[in-house]
Structures are given as structure tokens and as C-alpha cells.
Amino acid sequence: MKEFIVYPAIDIIGGSAVRLSQGDYARKEVYHADPSEVARRWENEGAKFIHVVDLEGAKEGKSFNREAIAKICAAVSVPVQVGGGIRNMETVEDMFNIGVSRVILGTAALANPDFVKETVAKHGDKIAVGIDAKDGKVAVQGWLEVSDTDAIEFARLMAQIGVAHIIYTDIATDGMLQGPNVAAMREMAEAVSLNVIASGGVSCTADVEELRPTGVGGVIVGKALYTGAVTLGDIL
């Protein structure tokens, strides 16, 4: 049985740890001015892997919060995966240089599958692809645009390229604390033989328990931890 990993999330805007509701940049709450302190807390509570998103990077297409990310990596001994605005090889290399363990490609993967092929050839399973879906279709540019591409078909293409990990987010449930889209997560996990990491909607330990048997390899938990709806200790 493969290990099921819980990834506490740190989303960054302007160097601070924030949370959005349904990916809406206008619905932002700042939780902590220093994301590295948050990372340290998650590690102390038992996290084995930390998930970080540069939200400005995702929107603007270039790395915005490099300093905050480097500080997070320096603050903890557990691996850190990072996404948001990583759209060329130079940025990929820079992320690894500042201590990131796994790089997540999002918009770049849809726009340029050859770039994914190149990064996977060079970095293997240290590369993940983020698939953010709205009604089963892939959304890009920090969720500001929805493409015509079917999320499962896109995941199959990524599997053919050699991608080892997919982070699958259901935008409708993200940050809403109303439970994950379990059916969509199960469908994705059954469709591809990749490590599928579920994201969006987790509000309590029962949500995590519901996701475990779907075949996903882990879950990202964000807002529920920040609001105190659930503790990392409870989930673990």
C-alpha cells in the first residue's frame, strides 16, 4: 500500500501567507506575514511534505515570491513542492537551487507539452503537473481562464510524457470548506496510473477519510487548517 501523504498548503501573495475562496484574488485573507513561520508550524505538527503556491506568479506568469519560498525551504527539513509562475527552464532550475524538492508546472504544461517533456527528461519525478479543473475542463492563468481541454485527457497526455505526479484541484470546492469533489478525484485516480494528489474543499478529517479509498496518493489541506476547522494532528 503506497503512503498517503497530507500536504499542508501555504499560498503566498506579497510575501504573506494568504487563502483565497474559489481562486478569487478579490477574496483574499492574510493569515501570516511570514510564511516560513507557518511552514515551521506544519513541520512541528508532523507534516512530511509542504505545498506552496506563488499566487502572483500563477497570475502573472513569472516567479514573484522567490524570497519567501527560499525562506520556507531554509526553515524546514521536510520537502517542499512549489507551483505558480514556473514557465521556463531557468525558473525550474532556480527553484531547485533555492531548496525546492518538487516543482509544479501548471499553465506552462497545457500551453507547451514539449516543455514538460524537457523538464521531466532532466528532473524525473521531481516534476509535478497541476491540473485545475472547472466542470471537468482545465483552467489556466491562475484560474482566470478555462480551456476546452478535458482534465482526464490532459492527465493521460502527461502520463505518456512521463510525469509522475498530478495535483488535481476542483476549483468549485477550493477554499469553500464544503467537502472535496470525491467523485472527480476517484475518476482521475482510476483514469491514470500516476500519483494523484487531491486538492480543494477539505473541511474535516472525515473528508480526508473519504478520499483515501479513491486511489489518490495524498491530499492538500489549506483553509481548514488556517481557520482551525481541523488540526494537522487530527488528520495525520
Foldseek 3Di string as FASTA:
>chain_A
DFAAAEAEEFEDDPQFGWFAALLDPVRIDTQGNQVLVVLLVLVVLPHQEYEYEDLVLQQPQADDNLVSLLSNQVSDDHAYEYEGNPQAPVSVVVSVVSRHQAYEAEQNCVVPVVRVLVVCVVPPASYEYEAEDEPQFGAGNSNPGTDPHGRLVSVVVSVVSRHAEYEYEHSNQAPVLQAFPQVVLLVNQVSDVHQYEYEGNNQELVSVVSNVVSRHRYYYDYPNCSVVSYHPNRND
